[in-house]
């Protein structure tokens, strides 16, 4: 939670700009985790961190990218999930490296531009293209 009282402006920004993005963030987290419970936990954790960074996020030109970046930063060091009893589509997506899954999702599903992907992930353009290409190839090979 915020260590200081939130201003009316921060409260309005949170309620009007971030809260409506909750479903989109949950879908993003699910695409990364491939587990509804893990996605819910990551979404909740992301919003708790967002509260601490609210003034910074409010100044951002793309608040949603800030949320996605927080989620990615918190997930990228976690071990990948392993499960043999999954539906084929989930197994296919789990076969991708987390970075490949992220790149494909950001570009092909969310429609972000390469520059936005670089900003969110901290990768350079070549790395974004490499991960997206590798992910697409693996999906098409199934």
C-alpha atoms as a PDB file:
ATOM      1  CA  UNK A   1       0.000   0.000   0.000  1.00  0.00           C
ATOM      2  CA  UNK A   2       0.998   3.597  -0.397  1.00  0.00           C
ATOM      3  CA  UNK A   3       2.992   4.945   2.514  1.00  0.00           C
ATOM      4  CA  UNK A   4       1.333   8.328   2.120  1.00  0.00           C
ATOM      5  CA  UNK A   5      -2.283   9.259   1.516  1.00  0.00           C
ATOM      6  CA  UNK A   6      -3.231   9.100  -2.135  1.00  0.00           C
ATOM      7  CA  UNK A   7      -4.294  12.339  -3.718  1.00  0.00           C
ATOM      8  CA  UNK A   8      -7.694  12.588  -5.377  1.00  0.00           C
ATOM      9  CA  UNK A   9      -5.874  12.735  -8.710  1.00  0.00           C
ATOM     10  CA  UNK A  10      -4.021   9.458  -8.011  1.00  0.00           C
ATOM     11  CA  UNK A  11      -7.192   7.780  -6.787  1.00  0.00           C
ATOM     12  CA  UNK A  12      -9.084   8.836  -9.910  1.00  0.00           C
ATOM     13  CA  UNK A  13      -6.240   7.680 -12.153  1.00  0.00           C
ATOM     14  CA  UNK A  14      -6.153   4.279 -10.439  1.00  0.00           C
ATOM     15  CA  UNK A  15      -9.927   3.811 -10.626  1.00  0.00           C
ATOM     16  CA  UNK A  16     -10.406   5.199 -14.133  1.00  0.00           C
ATOM     17  CA  UNK A  17      -7.240   4.077 -15.913  1.00  0.00           C
ATOM     18  CA  UNK A  18      -5.868   0.972 -14.191  1.00  0.00           C
ATOM     19  CA  UNK A  19      -8.835  -0.887 -12.716  1.00  0.00           C
ATOM     20  CA  UNK A  20     -10.593  -1.199 -16.104  1.00  0.00           C
ATOM     21  CA  UNK A  21      -7.435  -2.920 -17.390  1.00  0.00           C
ATOM     22  CA  UNK A  22      -7.708  -5.727 -14.833  1.00  0.00           C
ATOM     23  CA  UNK A  23      -9.264  -8.236 -17.253  1.00  0.00           C
ATOM     24  CA  UNK A  24      -6.720  -7.461 -19.956  1.00  0.00           C
ATOM     25  CA  UNK A  25      -3.906  -7.871 -17.413  1.00  0.00           C
ATOM     26  CA  UNK A  26      -5.378 -11.169 -16.192  1.00  0.00           C
ATOM     27  CA  UNK A  27      -5.458 -12.476 -19.780  1.00  0.00           C
ATOM     28  CA  UNK A  28      -1.855 -11.357 -20.277  1.00  0.00           C
ATOM     29  CA  UNK A  29      -0.825 -13.122 -17.062  1.00  0.00           C
ATOM     30  CA  UNK A  30      -2.694 -16.271 -18.082  1.00  0.00           C
ATOM     31  CA  UNK A  31      -0.910 -16.330 -21.437  1.00  0.00           C
ATOM     32  CA  UNK A  32       2.382 -16.198 -19.579  1.00  0.00           C
ATOM     33  CA  UNK A  33       1.530 -18.591 -16.730  1.00  0.00           C
ATOM     34  CA  UNK A  34      -0.973 -20.884 -18.471  1.00  0.00           C
ATOM     35  CA  UNK A  35      -2.628 -21.412 -15.112  1.00  0.00           C
ATOM     36  CA  UNK A  36      -5.682 -19.478 -13.987  1.00  0.00           C
ATOM     37  CA  UNK A  37      -4.675 -19.499 -10.321  1.00  0.00           C
ATOM     38  CA  UNK A  38      -1.131 -18.387 -11.104  1.00  0.00           C
ATOM     39  CA  UNK A  39      -2.505 -15.686 -13.398  1.00  0.00           C
ATOM     40  CA  UNK A  40      -4.827 -14.427 -10.656  1.00  0.00           C
ATOM     41  CA  UNK A  41      -1.960 -14.341  -8.177  1.00  0.00           C
ATOM     42  CA  UNK A  42       0.309 -12.507 -10.617  1.00  0.00           C
ATOM     43  CA  UNK A  43      -2.443 -10.012 -11.441  1.00  0.00           C
ATOM     44  CA  UNK A  44      -3.044  -9.281  -7.758  1.00  0.00           C
ATOM     45  CA  UNK A  45       0.683  -8.938  -7.114  1.00  0.00           C
ATOM     46  CA  UNK A  46       1.056  -6.640 -10.122  1.00  0.00           C
ATOM     47  CA  UNK A  47      -1.675  -4.340  -8.861  1.00  0.00           C
ATOM     48  CA  UNK A  48      -0.124  -4.238  -5.384  1.00  0.00           C
ATOM     49  CA  UNK A  49       3.187  -3.132  -6.903  1.00  0.00           C
ATOM     50  CA  UNK A  50       1.338  -0.681  -9.164  1.00  0.00           C
ATOM     51  CA  UNK A  51      -0.075   1.002  -6.070  1.00  0.00           C
ATOM     52  CA  UNK A  52       3.462   1.701  -4.858  1.00  0.00           C
ATOM     53  CA  UNK A  53       4.466   3.012  -8.286  1.00  0.00           C
ATOM     54  CA  UNK A  54       1.249   4.918  -8.955  1.00  0.00           C
ATOM     55  CA  UNK A  55       2.796   8.403  -9.349  1.00  0.00           C
ATOM     56  CA  UNK A  56       5.361   6.995 -11.787  1.00  0.00           C
ATOM     57  CA  UNK A  57       2.729   5.050 -13.755  1.00  0.00           C
ATOM     58  CA  UNK A  58       0.474   8.101 -13.902  1.00  0.00           C
ATOM     59  CA  UNK A  59       3.261  10.041 -15.655  1.00  0.00           C
ATOM     60  CA  UNK A  60       3.703   7.246 -18.186  1.00  0.00           C
ATOM     61  CA  UNK A  61       2.314   7.702 -21.681  1.00  0.00           C
ATOM     62  CA  UNK A  62       1.175   4.066 -21.658  1.00  0.00           C
ATOM     63  CA  UNK A  63      -0.133   2.975 -18.244  1.00  0.00           C
ATOM     64  CA  UNK A  64      -1.087  -0.468 -19.553  1.00  0.00           C
ATOM     65  CA  UNK A  65       2.469  -1.091 -20.726  1.00  0.00           C
ATOM     66  CA  UNK A  66       3.634  -0.171 -17.227  1.00  0.00           C
ATOM     67  CA  UNK A  67       1.302  -2.829 -15.759  1.00  0.00           C
ATOM     68  CA  UNK A  68       2.454  -5.426 -18.277  1.00  0.00           C
ATOM     69  CA  UNK A  69       6.067  -4.592 -17.530  1.00  0.00           C
ATOM     70  CA  UNK A  70       5.517  -5.033 -13.776  1.00  0.00           C
ATOM     71  CA  UNK A  71       3.896  -8.428 -14.388  1.00  0.00           C
ATOM     72  CA  UNK A  72       6.689  -9.554 -16.699  1.00  0.00           C
ATOM     73  CA  UNK A  73       9.409  -8.385 -14.298  1.00  0.00           C
ATOM     74  CA  UNK A  74       7.827 -10.421 -11.513  1.00  0.00           C
ATOM     75  CA  UNK A  75       7.314 -13.552 -13.563  1.00  0.00           C
ATOM     76  CA  UNK A  76      10.484 -13.869 -15.613  1.00  0.00           C
ATOM     77  CA  UNK A  77      12.570 -15.241 -12.755  1.00  0.00           C
ATOM     78  CA  UNK A  78       9.970 -17.843 -11.703  1.00  0.00           C
ATOM     79  CA  UNK A  79      10.400 -21.461 -12.854  1.00  0.00           C
ATOM     80  CA  UNK A  80       8.251 -22.651 -15.752  1.00  0.00           C
ATOM     81  CA  UNK A  81       5.210 -24.778 -14.949  1.00  0.00           C
ATOM     82  CA  UNK A  82       5.376 -28.462 -15.917  1.00  0.00           C
ATOM     83  CA  UNK A  83       2.264 -30.647 -16.250  1.00  0.00           C
ATOM     84  CA  UNK A  84       1.639 -33.715 -18.415  1.00  0.00           C
ATOM     85  CA  UNK A  85      -2.175 -33.664 -18.138  1.00  0.00           C
ATOM     86  CA  UNK A  86      -2.898 -30.461 -20.073  1.00  0.00           C
ATOM     87  CA  UNK A  87      -5.045 -29.766 -23.138  1.00  0.00           C
ATOM     88  CA  UNK A  88      -3.024 -29.823 -26.402  1.00  0.00           C
ATOM     89  CA  UNK A  89      -3.121 -26.045 -26.954  1.00  0.00           C
ATOM     90  CA  UNK A  90      -1.763 -25.395 -23.458  1.00  0.00           C
ATOM     91  CA  UNK A  91       0.920 -28.053 -23.961  1.00  0.00           C
ATOM     92  CA  UNK A  92       1.887 -26.384 -27.252  1.00  0.00           C
ATOM     93  CA  UNK A  93       2.174 -22.992 -25.583  1.00  0.00           C
ATOM     94  CA  UNK A  94       4.096 -24.460 -22.644  1.00  0.00           C
ATOM     95  CA  UNK A  95       6.578 -25.929 -25.117  1.00  0.00           C
ATOM     96  CA  UNK A  96       7.543 -22.370 -26.016  1.00  0.00           C
ATOM     97  CA  UNK A  97      10.120 -20.598 -23.928  1.00  0.00           C
ATOM     98  CA  UNK A  98       8.435 -17.980 -21.752  1.00  0.00           C
ATOM     99  CA  UNK A  99      10.189 -15.242 -23.757  1.00  0.00           C
ATOM    100  CA  UNK A 100       8.851 -16.688 -27.031  1.00  0.00           C
ATOM    101  CA  UNK A 101       5.333 -16.894 -25.615  1.00  0.00           C
ATOM    102  CA  UNK A 102       5.592 -13.291 -24.444  1.00  0.00           C
ATOM    103  CA  UNK A 103       6.830 -11.998 -27.806  1.00  0.00           C
ATOM    104  CA  UNK A 104       4.143 -13.849 -29.797  1.00  0.00           C
ATOM    105  CA  UNK A 105       1.431 -12.681 -27.435  1.00  0.00           C
ATOM    106  CA  UNK A 106       2.530  -9.040 -27.426  1.00  0.00           C
ATOM    107  CA  UNK A 107       2.888  -8.773 -31.185  1.00  0.00           C
ATOM    108  CA  UNK A 108       0.345 -11.209 -32.612  1.00  0.00           C
ATOM    109  CA  UNK A 109      -2.384 -11.148 -29.983  1.00  0.00           C
ATOM    110  CA  UNK A 110      -2.134  -7.741 -28.330  1.00  0.00           C
ATOM    111  CA  UNK A 111      -0.973  -5.986 -31.498  1.00  0.00           C
ATOM    112  CA  UNK A 112       1.869  -4.062 -29.884  1.00  0.00           C
ATOM    113  CA  UNK A 113       4.551  -2.545 -32.054  1.00  0.00           C
ATOM    114  CA  UNK A 114       8.155  -3.635 -31.854  1.00  0.00           C
ATOM    115  CA  UNK A 115       9.130  -0.410 -30.030  1.00  0.00           C
ATOM    116  CA  UNK A 116       6.474  -1.020 -27.357  1.00  0.00           C
ATOM    117  CA  UNK A 117       7.666  -4.612 -26.934  1.00  0.00           C
ATOM    118  CA  UNK A 118      11.225  -3.379 -26.457  1.00  0.00           C
ATOM    119  CA  UNK A 119      10.054  -0.892 -23.851  1.00  0.00           C
ATOM    120  CA  UNK A 120       8.065  -3.508 -21.951  1.00  0.00           C
ATOM    121  CA  UNK A 121      10.636  -6.295 -21.989  1.00  0.00           C
ATOM    122  CA  UNK A 122      13.898  -4.380 -21.971  1.00  0.00           C
ATOM    123  CA  UNK A 123      15.018  -6.339 -25.040  1.00  0.00           C
ATOM    124  CA  UNK A 124      16.403  -4.813 -28.213  1.00  0.00           C
ATOM    125  CA  UNK A 125      14.447  -5.051 -31.485  1.00  0.00           C
ATOM    126  CA  UNK A 126      16.516  -7.979 -32.764  1.00  0.00           C
ATOM    127  CA  UNK A 127      15.728 -10.008 -29.643  1.00  0.00           C
ATOM    128  CA  UNK A 128      11.989  -9.274 -29.894  1.00  0.00           C
ATOM    129  CA  UNK A 129      11.973 -10.426 -33.533  1.00  0.00           C
ATOM    130  CA  UNK A 130      14.053 -13.521 -32.698  1.00  0.00           C
ATOM    131  CA  UNK A 131      11.720 -14.629 -29.873  1.00  0.00           C
ATOM    132  CA  UNK A 132       8.549 -13.934 -31.869  1.00  0.00           C
ATOM    133  CA  UNK A 133       9.882 -15.798 -34.894  1.00  0.00           C
ATOM    134  CA  UNK A 134      10.986 -18.814 -32.876  1.00  0.00           C
ATOM    135  CA  UNK A 135       7.638 -18.954 -31.082  1.00  0.00           C
ATOM    136  CA  UNK A 136       5.661 -18.749 -34.311  1.00  0.00           C
ATOM    137  CA  UNK A 137       7.718 -21.513 -35.890  1.00  0.00           C
ATOM    138  CA  UNK A 138       7.144 -23.834 -32.952  1.00  0.00           C
ATOM    139  CA  UNK A 139       3.398 -23.159 -32.979  1.00  0.00           C
ATOM    140  CA  UNK A 140       3.158 -23.786 -36.729  1.00  0.00           C
ATOM    141  CA  UNK A 141       5.140 -27.034 -36.401  1.00  0.00           C
ATOM    142  CA  UNK A 142       2.412 -28.610 -34.242  1.00  0.00           C
END
